[in-house]
Amino acid sequence: MIKTNTIINELRNLNYQFLLNDKNGISIDNKSYIFKKGKLPILLSSPHAVKQYRESQVKLSDYLTGPLAIYLAEKCDCSYFARIFNDNSDPNFPLGETLSYIEDSYLIALRNFIYEYKQFLIIDIHGCSDNKKSDCSIWSNDYDTCCLSIIKTFENNFNYYNLSIDSGSEYLGGQVTRQCSLLTNAFQLEIKRKIRTLKLENYNLLKSFIDSMEKSIYETYNYYMELQEMEIKDGYNK
């Protein structure tokens, strides 16, 4: 079992790069994002890991979403995309509509990655305030962006680890989930601030979230493998 201080220390070390320059971050190789391909065809996205620029004003970053995306991806051997620099844009905006044409570099790179490496599921991680009704929310536009079986897997595991979860009816859905769903399964995950913490007094909430995500990712991968086997069998029977 991973010790408490190990998880917190790993997240703290990962968080350092997102706190630089007053949480605006710094570009790497002239790019505003970092990414890494994992073995599993599941990708964790964090477009608000640093501040963003929306509707003529700077918006606060979603604290610890970048480190959580990287930590979970490394732990489960899946892929991640995380925004590392505020280039005066917001990859997730506008909300409530799906653009027919995209110009944002994060979105373009992410879509190219999904297409090239055949990702099965994109989880777009965001932060919400503690006054929301549930610990976590999954927005999938009534399963339009992601199949029901995958959503239920995550909902069941959040409940198993005593975290409340809802269907994200409070949210409109951003461009990351909307654009990714044109290529594969995708959903937007909102996480309360009290869970996204490095404080020992809230560690149980953080650990429950990590455990529920890890279990869900592996179960989703098993589901993916079952689908692959069914496709092979169907091909033999034709």
Protein backbone atom coordinates (compact mmCIF):
# COMPACT_ATOMS: atom_id res chain seq x y z
CA MET A 1 0.00 0.00 0.00
CA ILE A 2 1.28 3.48 -0.86
CA LYS A 3 2.02 5.54 2.23
CA THR A 4 0.11 8.76 2.83
CA ASN A 5 3.14 11.03 2.65
CA THR A 6 4.27 9.38 -0.59
CA ILE A 7 1.09 10.32 -2.43
CA ILE A 8 1.06 13.85 -1.05
CA ASN A 9 4.75 14.36 -1.76
CA GLU A 10 4.42 13.05 -5.32
CA LEU A 11 1.49 15.38 -6.02
CA ARG A 12 3.32 18.29 -4.41
CA ASN A 13 6.36 17.68 -6.60
CA LEU A 14 4.20 17.46 -9.72
CA ASN A 15 2.34 20.62 -8.72
CA TYR A 16 5.45 22.80 -8.63
CA GLN A 17 5.50 23.38 -12.39
CA PHE A 18 1.86 24.54 -12.39
CA LEU A 19 2.49 27.12 -9.64
CA LEU A 20 5.28 28.93 -11.47
CA ASN A 21 4.82 32.53 -12.65
CA ASP A 22 1.84 33.17 -10.37
CA LYS A 23 0.11 29.97 -11.63
CA ASN A 24 0.48 31.05 -15.25
CA GLY A 25 3.19 28.43 -15.70
CA ILE A 26 5.92 28.47 -18.34
CA SER A 27 6.00 27.18 -21.89
CA ILE A 28 8.12 24.14 -22.75
CA ASP A 29 9.61 23.93 -26.26
CA ASN A 30 7.29 26.81 -27.23
CA LYS A 31 4.24 24.74 -26.32
CA SER A 32 1.58 25.54 -23.74
CA TYR A 33 1.00 21.88 -22.87
CA ILE A 34 2.81 18.67 -22.01
CA PHE A 35 1.72 15.13 -22.82
CA LYS A 36 2.82 11.53 -22.57
CA LYS A 37 1.54 8.36 -24.18
CA GLY A 38 0.80 5.41 -21.93
CA LYS A 39 0.07 1.76 -22.65
CA LEU A 40 -3.66 1.88 -21.93
CA PRO A 41 -5.85 3.68 -24.54
CA ILE A 42 -7.26 6.04 -21.91
CA LEU A 43 -6.23 9.69 -21.62
CA LEU A 44 -6.53 12.20 -18.78
CA SER A 45 -6.79 15.84 -19.82
CA SER A 46 -6.27 18.94 -17.68
CA PRO A 47 -6.78 22.16 -19.68
CA HIS A 48 -7.16 24.38 -16.59
CA ALA A 49 -4.07 23.22 -14.69
CA VAL A 50 -2.82 26.81 -15.00
CA LYS A 51 -4.71 30.08 -15.36
CA GLN A 52 -6.68 30.67 -18.53
CA TYR A 53 -7.98 33.72 -20.41
CA ARG A 54 -11.71 33.78 -21.02
CA GLU A 55 -14.06 36.58 -22.05
CA SER A 56 -11.42 39.33 -21.64
CA GLN A 57 -10.29 38.28 -18.18
CA VAL A 58 -7.86 35.91 -16.51
CA LYS A 59 -9.54 32.98 -14.76
CA LEU A 60 -8.07 31.07 -11.84
CA SER A 61 -6.54 27.66 -12.40
CA ASP A 62 -8.29 24.48 -11.23
CA TYR A 63 -5.97 23.63 -8.38
CA LEU A 64 -4.16 20.26 -8.51
CA THR A 65 -5.96 19.03 -11.64
CA GLY A 66 -2.69 18.89 -13.58
CA PRO A 67 -0.83 16.86 -10.95
CA LEU A 68 -3.80 14.52 -10.53
CA ALA A 69 -3.97 13.88 -14.28
CA ILE A 70 -0.25 13.11 -14.47
CA TYR A 71 -0.18 11.08 -11.24
CA LEU A 72 -3.11 8.87 -12.26
CA ALA A 73 -1.80 8.44 -15.79
CA GLU A 74 1.62 7.36 -14.51
CA LYS A 75 0.07 5.08 -11.89
CA CYS A 76 -2.27 3.37 -14.38
CA ASP A 77 0.05 3.54 -17.40
CA CYS A 78 -2.34 5.59 -19.50
CA SER A 79 -1.85 8.90 -21.33
CA TYR A 80 -2.15 12.50 -20.24
CA PHE A 81 -2.40 16.02 -21.65
CA ALA A 82 -1.90 18.93 -19.27
CA ARG A 83 -1.79 22.64 -19.96
CA ILE A 84 1.47 24.00 -18.55
CA PHE A 85 1.35 27.64 -19.67
CA ASN A 86 -1.30 30.34 -19.88
CA ASP A 87 -1.06 31.46 -23.50
CA ASN A 88 -4.05 33.78 -23.08
CA SER A 89 -6.57 31.23 -24.30
CA ASP A 90 -8.97 28.68 -22.86
CA PRO A 91 -9.13 25.31 -24.68
CA ASN A 92 -12.42 24.49 -22.99
CA PHE A 93 -14.33 27.58 -24.09
CA PRO A 94 -17.01 28.25 -25.24
CA LEU A 95 -19.36 26.14 -23.15
CA GLY A 96 -22.70 24.69 -24.20
CA GLU A 97 -21.95 24.34 -27.91
CA THR A 98 -19.67 22.30 -30.16
CA LEU A 99 -17.55 24.40 -32.48
CA SER A 100 -17.40 23.27 -36.09
CA TYR A 101 -13.87 24.64 -36.42
CA ILE A 102 -11.15 24.83 -33.76
CA GLU A 103 -8.00 26.94 -33.63
CA ASP A 104 -6.76 26.30 -30.09
CA SER A 105 -3.37 24.53 -30.10
CA TYR A 106 -4.24 22.33 -27.10
CA LEU A 107 -7.41 21.04 -28.77
CA ILE A 108 -5.73 20.46 -32.11
CA ALA A 109 -2.83 18.54 -30.55
CA LEU A 110 -5.18 16.52 -28.36
CA ARG A 111 -7.43 15.54 -31.27
CA ASN A 112 -4.39 14.56 -33.35
CA PHE A 113 -3.11 12.41 -30.48
CA ILE A 114 -6.49 10.66 -30.11
CA TYR A 115 -6.64 9.96 -33.83
CA GLU A 116 -3.05 8.71 -34.11
CA TYR A 117 -3.03 6.52 -31.01
CA LYS A 118 -6.66 5.34 -31.08
CA GLN A 119 -7.64 6.39 -27.57
CA PHE A 120 -10.78 4.71 -26.21
CA LEU A 121 -11.69 7.20 -23.47
CA ILE A 122 -10.85 10.83 -22.68
CA ILE A 123 -11.43 12.09 -19.13
CA ASP A 124 -11.30 15.88 -18.99
CA ILE A 125 -10.51 16.82 -15.40
CA HIS A 126 -11.79 20.08 -13.90
CA GLY A 127 -12.24 21.58 -10.46
CA CYS A 128 -15.42 22.91 -8.90
CA SER A 129 -16.16 24.68 -5.61
CA ASP A 130 -17.26 22.94 -2.45
CA ASN A 131 -20.74 24.47 -2.68
CA LYS A 132 -21.68 22.13 -5.53
CA LYS A 133 -24.17 19.42 -4.60
CA SER A 134 -21.90 16.38 -5.15
CA ASP A 135 -18.27 15.54 -4.51
CA CYS A 136 -17.79 14.82 -8.21
CA SER A 137 -19.85 15.33 -11.35
CA ILE A 138 -19.64 13.54 -14.68
CA TRP A 139 -20.91 15.54 -17.65
CA SER A 140 -21.59 13.43 -20.74
CA ASN A 141 -24.54 15.29 -22.25
CA ASP A 142 -26.91 12.46 -21.29
CA TYR A 143 -24.42 9.84 -22.57
CA ASP A 144 -24.12 11.55 -25.95
CA THR A 145 -20.36 11.95 -25.50
CA CYS A 146 -19.69 8.63 -23.76
CA CYS A 147 -21.34 5.23 -23.62
CA LEU A 148 -23.48 4.35 -20.61
CA SER A 149 -21.37 1.36 -19.52
CA ILE A 150 -18.28 3.51 -19.00
CA ILE A 151 -20.14 6.20 -17.07
CA LYS A 152 -21.75 3.59 -14.81
CA THR A 153 -18.35 2.07 -14.07
CA PHE A 154 -17.08 5.38 -12.72
CA GLU A 155 -20.30 6.17 -10.86
CA ASN A 156 -20.31 2.77 -9.16
CA ASN A 157 -16.72 3.08 -8.04
CA PHE A 158 -17.15 6.62 -6.71
CA ASN A 159 -20.10 5.35 -4.67
CA TYR A 160 -18.07 2.34 -3.53
CA TYR A 161 -15.45 4.69 -2.07
CA ASN A 162 -18.15 6.85 -0.44
CA LEU A 163 -17.88 9.81 -2.78
CA SER A 164 -21.13 11.35 -4.00
CA ILE A 165 -21.47 11.61 -7.77
CA ASP A 166 -24.04 13.12 -10.12
CA SER A 167 -24.67 13.49 -13.85
CA GLY A 168 -23.31 17.02 -14.13
CA SER A 169 -26.64 18.75 -14.77
CA GLU A 170 -25.13 21.96 -13.32
CA TYR A 171 -22.62 22.12 -16.19
CA LEU A 172 -22.85 22.96 -19.89
CA GLY A 173 -19.89 20.93 -21.13
CA GLY A 174 -16.75 22.44 -22.63
CA GLN A 175 -14.90 22.09 -25.91
CA VAL A 176 -12.45 19.42 -24.75
CA THR A 177 -15.16 16.83 -24.08
CA ARG A 178 -17.26 18.00 -27.01
CA GLN A 179 -14.41 17.88 -29.54
CA CYS A 180 -12.96 14.60 -28.24
CA SER A 181 -16.36 12.92 -28.34
CA LEU A 182 -16.40 13.41 -32.11
CA LEU A 183 -13.59 10.84 -32.22
CA THR A 184 -14.10 8.60 -29.17
CA ASN A 185 -15.72 8.30 -25.73
CA ALA A 186 -15.24 11.37 -23.55
CA PHE A 187 -16.64 12.94 -20.41
CA GLN A 188 -15.99 15.99 -18.25
CA LEU A 189 -15.16 15.29 -14.60
CA GLU A 190 -15.69 18.02 -12.01
CA ILE A 191 -14.00 17.56 -8.61
CA LYS A 192 -14.70 19.53 -5.45
CA ARG A 193 -11.91 21.64 -3.99
CA LYS A 194 -11.86 19.74 -0.69
CA ILE A 195 -10.82 16.59 -2.58
CA ARG A 196 -8.09 18.36 -4.55
CA THR A 197 -5.93 18.92 -1.50
CA LEU A 198 -2.48 18.30 -0.08
CA LYS A 199 -3.68 18.77 3.50
CA LEU A 200 -3.44 15.74 5.76
CA GLU A 201 -6.84 16.39 7.34
CA ASN A 202 -8.54 15.81 3.97
CA TYR A 203 -6.28 12.98 2.88
CA ASN A 204 -9.02 10.32 3.08
CA LEU A 205 -11.07 12.18 0.46
CA LEU A 206 -8.07 12.49 -1.84
CA LYS A 207 -7.19 8.80 -1.40
CA SER A 208 -10.80 7.75 -2.05
CA PHE A 209 -10.78 9.75 -5.27
CA ILE A 210 -7.49 8.25 -6.45
CA ASP A 211 -8.65 4.72 -5.60
CA SER A 212 -11.98 5.16 -7.37
CA MET A 213 -10.28 6.54 -10.47
CA GLU A 214 -7.67 3.79 -10.56
CA LYS A 215 -10.28 1.06 -10.22
CA SER A 216 -12.48 2.68 -12.88
CA ILE A 217 -9.63 3.10 -15.35
CA TYR A 218 -8.63 -0.55 -15.09
CA GLU A 219 -12.24 -1.75 -15.38
CA THR A 220 -12.76 0.48 -18.41
CA TYR A 221 -9.65 -1.00 -20.00
CA ASN A 222 -11.02 -4.51 -19.38
CA TYR A 223 -14.26 -3.43 -21.03
CA TYR A 224 -12.27 -2.13 -23.99
CA MET A 225 -10.43 -5.45 -24.30
CA GLU A 226 -13.75 -7.33 -24.24
CA LEU A 227 -15.02 -5.17 -27.08
CA GLN A 228 -11.83 -5.86 -29.03
CA GLU A 229 -12.25 -9.60 -28.58
CA MET A 230 -15.86 -9.39 -29.73
CA GLU A 231 -14.79 -7.51 -32.88
CA ILE A 232 -12.21 -10.20 -33.64
CA LYS A 233 -14.77 -12.97 -33.17
CA ASP A 234 -17.28 -11.14 -35.37
CA GLY A 235 -14.59 -10.81 -38.02
CA TYR A 236 -13.94 -14.56 -37.96
CA ASN A 237 -17.67 -15.31 -38.24
CA LYS A 238 -18.19 -13.19 -41.35
